[in-house]
Protein backbone atom coordinates (compact mmCIF):
# COMPACT_ATOMS: atom_id res chain seq x y z
CA UNK A 1 14.70 28.31 2.37
CA UNK A 2 16.67 26.79 5.04
CA UNK A 3 17.60 23.08 4.76
CA UNK A 4 16.16 22.02 7.72
CA UNK A 5 13.12 23.08 6.12
CA UNK A 6 13.62 21.40 2.99
CA UNK A 7 14.12 18.09 5.11
CA UNK A 8 11.06 18.31 6.73
CA UNK A 9 9.03 19.06 3.44
CA UNK A 10 10.97 16.45 1.45
CA UNK A 11 9.98 13.68 4.56
CA UNK A 12 6.45 14.64 3.80
CA UNK A 13 6.37 14.40 0.41
CA UNK A 14 8.04 11.20 0.65
CA UNK A 15 5.08 10.18 3.09
CA UNK A 16 2.36 12.00 0.56
CA UNK A 17 3.71 9.41 -1.87
CA UNK A 18 3.59 6.39 0.02
CA UNK A 19 0.17 7.37 1.24
CA UNK A 20 -0.70 7.98 -2.68
CA UNK A 21 0.39 4.39 -3.31
CA UNK A 22 -1.38 2.75 -0.29
CA UNK A 23 -4.69 4.09 -1.53
CA UNK A 24 -4.31 3.27 -5.48
CA UNK A 25 -2.59 0.13 -5.41
CA UNK A 26 -4.28 -1.31 -2.10
CA UNK A 27 -7.29 -1.83 -4.17
CA UNK A 28 -5.11 -3.12 -6.96
CA UNK A 29 -3.38 -5.73 -4.60
CA UNK A 30 -6.61 -6.58 -3.55
CA UNK A 31 -8.41 -6.98 -6.73
CA UNK A 32 -5.72 -9.08 -7.36
CA UNK A 33 -6.03 -11.98 -4.74
CA UNK A 34 -10.06 -11.87 -5.13
CA UNK A 35 -9.36 -12.44 -8.82
CA UNK A 36 -9.75 -16.25 -8.33
CA UNK A 37 -12.16 -16.87 -5.92
CA UNK A 38 -14.79 -13.95 -7.21
CA UNK A 39 -14.28 -14.95 -10.91
CA UNK A 40 -16.15 -18.42 -11.67
CA UNK A 41 -16.12 -17.96 -14.94
CA UNK A 42 -14.13 -16.59 -17.76
CA UNK A 43 -15.94 -13.81 -18.74
CA UNK A 44 -16.03 -13.07 -14.95
CA UNK A 45 -12.49 -12.65 -13.87
CA UNK A 46 -11.91 -10.66 -17.61
CA UNK A 47 -14.57 -8.56 -16.16
CA UNK A 48 -12.58 -8.31 -13.01
CA UNK A 49 -9.53 -7.89 -14.36
CA UNK A 50 -10.84 -4.58 -16.55
CA UNK A 51 -11.88 -3.08 -13.33
CA UNK A 52 -7.96 -2.14 -12.84
CA UNK A 53 -6.43 -2.85 -16.55
CA UNK A 54 -6.61 0.85 -17.19
CA UNK A 55 -4.86 1.80 -13.83
CA UNK A 56 -2.79 -0.84 -12.17
CA UNK A 57 0.12 0.32 -14.05
CA UNK A 58 -0.40 3.87 -13.83
CA UNK A 59 -0.73 3.01 -9.72
CA UNK A 60 2.77 1.39 -9.28
CA UNK A 61 4.36 4.75 -10.18
CA UNK A 62 3.46 5.87 -6.71
CA UNK A 63 5.73 3.67 -5.98
CA UNK A 64 8.72 4.08 -8.41
CA UNK A 65 8.48 7.28 -7.40
CA UNK A 66 8.50 7.34 -3.96
CA UNK A 67 11.52 5.09 -3.69
CA UNK A 68 13.02 7.57 -6.48
CA UNK A 69 12.51 10.57 -4.39
CA UNK A 70 13.99 8.45 -1.09
CA UNK A 71 17.48 7.60 -3.43
CA UNK A 72 17.26 11.50 -4.41
CA UNK A 73 16.48 13.10 -0.66
CA UNK A 74 17.60 10.80 1.54
CA UNK A 75 20.28 8.59 0.22
CA UNK A 76 21.78 7.29 3.41
CA UNK A 77 17.78 6.35 4.07
CA UNK A 78 17.70 4.15 0.78
CA UNK A 79 21.46 3.15 1.08
CA UNK A 80 20.52 1.34 4.44
CA UNK A 81 16.90 0.28 3.70
CA UNK A 82 17.35 -1.43 0.27
CA UNK A 83 20.72 -3.21 1.25
CA UNK A 84 19.37 -4.41 4.52
CA UNK A 85 15.64 -5.56 3.02
CA UNK A 86 17.31 -6.32 -0.40
CA UNK A 87 15.39 -10.17 -0.59
CA UNK A 88 12.38 -8.67 1.11
CA UNK A 89 12.67 -6.32 -2.37
CA UNK A 90 13.82 -8.49 -4.35
CA UNK A 91 10.43 -10.84 -3.50
CA UNK A 92 8.36 -7.77 -3.89
CA UNK A 93 9.95 -7.20 -6.88
CA UNK A 94 8.68 -10.18 -8.36
CA UNK A 95 5.34 -9.96 -7.53
CA UNK A 96 5.06 -7.16 -9.57
CA UNK A 97 6.59 -8.72 -12.15
CA UNK A 98 4.40 -11.61 -11.75
CA UNK A 99 1.14 -8.88 -11.57
CA UNK A 100 2.19 -7.14 -14.98
CA UNK A 101 3.12 -9.61 -17.06
CA UNK A 102 0.02 -11.97 -16.48
CA UNK A 103 -2.35 -9.03 -17.36
CA UNK A 104 -0.77 -8.57 -20.35
CA UNK A 105 -0.44 -12.17 -21.34
CA UNK A 106 -3.24 -13.94 -20.10
CA UNK A 107 -5.47 -13.26 -22.47
CA UNK A 108 -2.85 -14.16 -25.73
CA UNK A 109 -4.16 -17.39 -25.40
CA UNK A 110 -7.64 -19.36 -24.84
CA UNK A 111 -6.58 -22.18 -23.62
CA UNK A 112 -8.33 -22.53 -19.80
CA UNK A 113 -5.36 -23.82 -18.23
CA UNK A 114 -2.85 -21.05 -19.53
CA UNK A 115 -5.45 -18.32 -18.54
CA UNK A 116 -5.90 -20.53 -14.94
CA UNK A 117 -2.35 -20.21 -14.27
CA UNK A 118 -2.14 -16.77 -14.89
CA UNK A 119 -5.08 -16.00 -12.78
CA UNK A 120 -2.97 -17.50 -9.96
CA UNK A 121 0.09 -15.71 -10.80
CA UNK A 122 -1.91 -12.19 -10.15
CA UNK A 123 -3.21 -13.88 -6.94
CA UNK A 124 0.35 -14.28 -6.14
CA UNK A 125 1.45 -11.09 -7.70
CA UNK A 126 -0.67 -9.15 -5.62
CA UNK A 127 -0.33 -11.55 -2.08
CA UNK A 128 3.44 -11.02 -1.98
CA UNK A 129 3.49 -7.15 -1.94
CA UNK A 130 0.79 -6.75 0.31
CA UNK A 131 2.62 -8.88 2.74
CA UNK A 132 5.70 -7.89 2.38
CA UNK A 133 4.72 -3.91 2.95
CA UNK A 134 2.44 -4.52 5.45
CA UNK A 135 5.60 -6.60 7.09
CA UNK A 136 8.64 -4.10 6.51
CA UNK A 137 6.46 -0.81 7.78
CA UNK A 138 5.67 -2.42 10.64
CA UNK A 139 9.09 -3.23 11.31
CA UNK A 140 10.45 -0.10 10.23
CA UNK A 141 8.46 1.48 13.25
CA UNK A 142 9.35 -1.56 15.71
CA UNK A 143 12.66 -1.04 14.77
CA UNK A 144 15.46 -3.56 13.16
CA UNK A 145 19.13 -3.70 14.10
CA UNK A 146 21.73 -0.57 12.33
CA UNK A 147 25.31 0.01 13.62
CA UNK A 148 27.01 3.42 14.19
CA UNK A 149 27.84 3.14 10.38
CA UNK A 150 24.47 3.12 8.98
CA UNK A 151 24.57 0.08 8.25
CA UNK A 152 21.81 -3.14 8.70
CA UNK A 153 23.12 -5.88 10.42
CA UNK A 154 19.80 -8.12 10.17
CA UNK A 155 18.34 -10.55 7.47
CA UNK A 156 14.97 -11.46 5.89
CA UNK A 157 14.05 -13.76 9.27
CA UNK A 158 14.44 -10.71 11.64
CA UNK A 159 11.90 -8.80 9.74
CA UNK A 160 9.50 -11.96 10.09
CA UNK A 161 9.05 -11.20 13.98
CA UNK A 162 5.58 -11.29 15.78
CA UNK A 163 4.90 -7.67 15.21
CA UNK A 164 5.97 -7.15 11.37
CA UNK A 165 4.23 -10.79 10.28
CA UNK A 166 0.82 -9.08 12.59
CA UNK A 167 1.37 -5.86 10.09
CA UNK A 168 1.51 -7.89 7.08
CA UNK A 169 -1.24 -10.17 7.77
CA UNK A 170 -3.05 -6.54 8.53
CA UNK A 171 -2.51 -4.78 5.58
CA UNK A 172 -3.42 -8.16 3.39
CA UNK A 173 -6.74 -7.73 5.26
CA UNK A 174 -7.41 -4.62 5.14
CA UNK A 175 -6.42 -4.51 0.94
CA UNK A 176 -8.68 -7.23 0.26
CA UNK A 177 -11.30 -5.60 1.86
CA UNK A 178 -10.39 -2.08 -0.28
CA UNK A 179 -10.76 -4.07 -3.45
CA UNK A 180 -13.97 -6.24 -2.70
CA UNK A 181 -15.44 -2.10 -1.84
CA UNK A 182 -13.38 -1.37 -5.49
CA UNK A 183 -15.36 -4.31 -6.93
CA UNK A 184 -18.82 -3.30 -6.26
CA UNK A 185 -18.41 -0.45 -7.15
CA UNK A 186 -17.30 -1.07 -10.49
CA UNK A 187 -18.79 -4.25 -11.45
CA UNK A 188 -22.82 -5.07 -12.14
CA UNK A 189 -24.94 -7.65 -11.96
CA UNK A 190 -24.06 -10.50 -10.07
CA UNK A 191 -20.08 -10.30 -9.39
CA UNK A 192 -20.99 -6.82 -7.91
CA UNK A 193 -23.25 -8.84 -5.03
CA UNK A 194 -20.55 -11.37 -4.42
CA UNK A 195 -18.34 -8.62 -4.47
CA UNK A 196 -20.10 -6.50 -1.57
CA UNK A 197 -21.09 -10.07 0.02
CA UNK A 198 -17.15 -10.64 0.00
CA UNK A 199 -16.38 -7.20 1.34
CA UNK A 200 -18.82 -8.11 4.37
CA UNK A 201 -16.80 -11.15 5.59
CA UNK A 202 -13.54 -9.88 5.14
CA UNK A 203 -14.44 -6.73 7.15
CA UNK A 204 -14.77 -8.90 10.46
CA UNK A 205 -11.21 -10.62 9.76
CA UNK A 206 -9.93 -7.42 8.75
CA UNK A 207 -10.97 -5.34 11.89
CA UNK A 208 -9.98 -8.17 14.41
CA UNK A 209 -6.73 -7.78 12.99
CA UNK A 210 -5.84 -4.45 12.90
CA UNK A 211 -7.25 -4.04 16.52
CA UNK A 212 -4.47 -6.42 17.54
CA UNK A 213 -2.24 -4.70 15.60
CA UNK A 214 -3.48 -1.07 16.98
CA UNK A 215 -3.20 -2.22 20.55
CA UNK A 216 0.76 -3.53 20.10
CA UNK A 217 1.37 -0.34 17.81
CA UNK A 218 0.26 1.60 20.99
CA UNK A 219 1.91 -0.44 24.11
CA UNK A 220 5.56 -0.27 21.77
CA UNK A 221 4.66 3.29 20.17
CA UNK A 222 2.97 5.51 22.47
CA UNK A 223 2.98 3.88 25.59
CA UNK A 224 7.15 3.09 25.28
CA UNK A 225 7.82 7.21 24.82
CA UNK A 226 5.70 8.45 27.48
CA UNK A 227 2.08 9.77 25.70
CA UNK A 228 -0.92 8.03 26.48
CA UNK A 229 -2.75 10.20 24.15
CA UNK A 230 -2.00 9.05 20.43
CA UNK A 231 -3.97 11.33 18.89
CA UNK A 232 -6.82 12.15 16.06
CA UNK A 233 -5.25 10.04 13.47
CA UNK A 234 -5.16 6.57 14.88
CA UNK A 235 -8.48 6.37 16.70
CA UNK A 236 -10.06 8.00 13.80
CA UNK A 237 -8.73 5.25 11.58
CA UNK A 238 -9.91 2.55 13.70
CA UNK A 239 -13.38 4.06 13.90
CA UNK A 240 -14.03 4.95 10.26
CA UNK A 241 -12.98 0.95 10.03
CA UNK A 242 -15.47 0.28 12.37
CA UNK A 243 -18.09 1.96 10.64
CA UNK A 244 -17.30 0.60 7.15
CA UNK A 245 -19.04 -2.86 8.39
CA UNK A 246 -22.37 -0.47 8.87
CA UNK A 247 -22.11 0.56 5.18
CA UNK A 248 -21.07 -2.34 3.66
CA UNK A 249 -24.63 -4.07 5.24
CA UNK A 250 -26.57 -0.92 4.55
CA UNK A 251 -25.22 -1.25 0.18
CA UNK A 252 -23.79 1.71 0.42
CA UNK A 253 -20.81 1.24 -1.91
CA UNK A 254 -19.32 4.30 -2.39
CA UNK A 255 -19.08 5.32 1.38
CA UNK A 256 -17.63 1.41 1.99
CA UNK A 257 -15.19 2.51 -0.53
CA UNK A 258 -14.39 6.01 1.28
CA UNK A 259 -14.35 4.73 4.36
CA UNK A 260 -11.69 2.06 3.99
CA UNK A 261 -9.77 4.17 1.97
CA UNK A 262 -9.45 7.42 4.94
CA UNK A 263 -8.82 4.44 7.25
CA UNK A 264 -5.81 3.31 4.77
CA UNK A 265 -4.26 6.96 4.32
CA UNK A 266 -4.78 8.05 8.45
CA UNK A 267 -2.91 4.68 9.01
CA UNK A 268 0.19 5.80 7.04
CA UNK A 269 -0.50 9.38 8.52
CA UNK A 270 0.12 7.50 11.87
CA UNK A 271 3.17 5.63 10.83
CA UNK A 272 5.00 8.62 9.45
CA UNK A 273 4.16 10.59 12.34
CA UNK A 274 5.58 8.04 15.10
CA UNK A 275 8.88 7.64 12.80
CA UNK A 276 9.21 11.48 12.44
CA UNK A 277 11.85 13.04 12.94
CA UNK A 278 13.25 9.33 12.67
CA UNK A 279 13.35 7.36 9.18
CA UNK A 280 14.88 4.06 10.36
CA UNK A 281 14.76 3.09 14.18
CA UNK A 282 17.68 1.30 15.11
CA UNK A 283 16.61 -1.03 17.36
CA UNK A 284 20.06 -1.49 18.97
CA UNK A 285 20.84 2.29 20.30
CA UNK A 286 18.43 4.67 19.78
CA UNK A 287 21.85 7.65 18.98
CA UNK A 288 22.02 4.94 15.80
CA UNK A 289 18.92 6.08 14.37
CA UNK A 290 18.30 7.27 10.36
CA UNK A 291 16.96 11.04 11.06
CA UNK A 292 16.35 13.42 8.51
CA UNK A 293 18.84 15.46 9.34
CA UNK A 294 22.25 12.92 9.42
CA UNK A 295 20.49 10.48 5.99
CA UNK A 296 19.43 13.79 3.88
CA UNK A 297 20.78 15.24 0.83
CA UNK A 298 22.56 18.95 0.85
CA UNK A 299 20.25 22.07 0.23
CA UNK A 300 21.37 22.31 -2.83
CA UNK A 301 20.20 19.10 -4.16
CA UNK A 302 16.71 19.76 -1.73
CA UNK A 303 15.94 23.12 -3.56
CA UNK A 304 16.14 21.59 -7.35
CA UNK A 305 14.07 18.49 -6.49
CA UNK A 306 11.17 21.18 -4.89
CA UNK A 307 11.13 23.44 -7.97
CA UNK A 308 10.92 20.46 -10.12
CA UNK A 309 8.53 18.49 -7.93
CA UNK A 310 6.31 21.71 -7.61
CA UNK A 311 6.29 21.66 -11.49
CA UNK A 312 5.48 17.90 -12.37
CA UNK A 313 3.66 16.85 -9.91
CA UNK A 314 0.65 18.47 -10.57
CA UNK A 315 0.59 17.83 -13.95
CA UNK A 316 1.06 13.70 -12.82
CA UNK A 317 -2.19 14.08 -10.68
CA UNK A 318 -4.08 16.03 -13.47
CA UNK A 319 -3.59 13.07 -15.52
CA UNK A 320 -4.19 10.28 -13.10
CA UNK A 321 -7.25 11.87 -12.24
CA UNK A 322 -8.36 12.47 -16.01
CA UNK A 323 -7.45 8.71 -16.17
CA UNK A 324 -10.28 7.63 -13.39
CA UNK A 325 -12.80 9.97 -14.86
CA UNK A 326 -12.55 8.39 -18.08
CA UNK A 327 -12.70 4.72 -17.25
CA UNK A 328 -15.22 5.59 -14.07
CA UNK A 329 -18.21 3.43 -15.76
CA UNK A 330 -18.98 -0.03 -14.55
CA UNK A 331 -17.68 -3.13 -16.05
CA UNK A 332 -20.20 -6.48 -17.00
CA UNK A 333 -19.81 -9.62 -18.12
CA UNK A 334 -20.54 -8.47 -22.16
CA UNK A 335 -17.81 -9.97 -24.18
CA UNK A 336 -17.94 -6.79 -26.44
CA UNK A 337 -17.11 -4.69 -23.48
CA UNK A 338 -13.71 -6.74 -22.28
CA UNK A 339 -10.60 -5.60 -23.06
CA UNK A 340 -8.52 -7.85 -21.14
């Protein structure tokens, strides 16, 4: 297999890893952000946490794998992005640590103040990654200052431009909607109704932000490149998000979850399609863009990685699918059924 073919394959595989992460961890983050607001009592908050208690850490593996695959397949991409976005990625890591610690330690002490403190840490640890990831991906599409030596020359405030912040807010709103739909699938009784009601309220905000982001993306990403027709993926992404409003009102919980999940998947497909063959766009000079060709590892490295991925990826997918199947039942506020 040629080097160029392997480079394209690994770009697609990394895209799939990010799509899987946004799809799975998206509702995780949404649940975490909704926790202090939907859960009025300790039992209700425990029930909410238990909906993701068995899967949240597995979902985060997709992020670690995406980072590891980037490091191995496209080391120049990894080096430029992780050094340039260092502070943003550090804050992302802080958020993920806050979440992980809070899930494990919240129930170690029955003191309400203790538990409330960890509930807000879960909220913060879910909000930070949502905003930061949305902002980072929007900036990657917009372009960031990279010089001829593949060095990022900006700082954290460079990323905090209007388009980047709009990407962060939109991602957060869609994750909140995704989480509310997931809770309506997993909870029972009064909490189920409250989660569905929350989804209805969040949907309107998510649609407005998504349309604004789509308009600016079309202008800067498609129109600026002379592309009038954006293709089926972004159009379908907007349509399914609009359709989710109907299914939420009709209490079609499974469809609501599936439609928002499809919106997230198609949004990421649109992002990586617009980026290809670039992995990082230079706002200083298009000739300084990082591409899959000038940022990749050797043909031998990509070949070995492909063999390893072919063996182990199906095993990981099968295991994670089995996990979701085993923990598919709805959760109530009955203390006997609560683990976390």
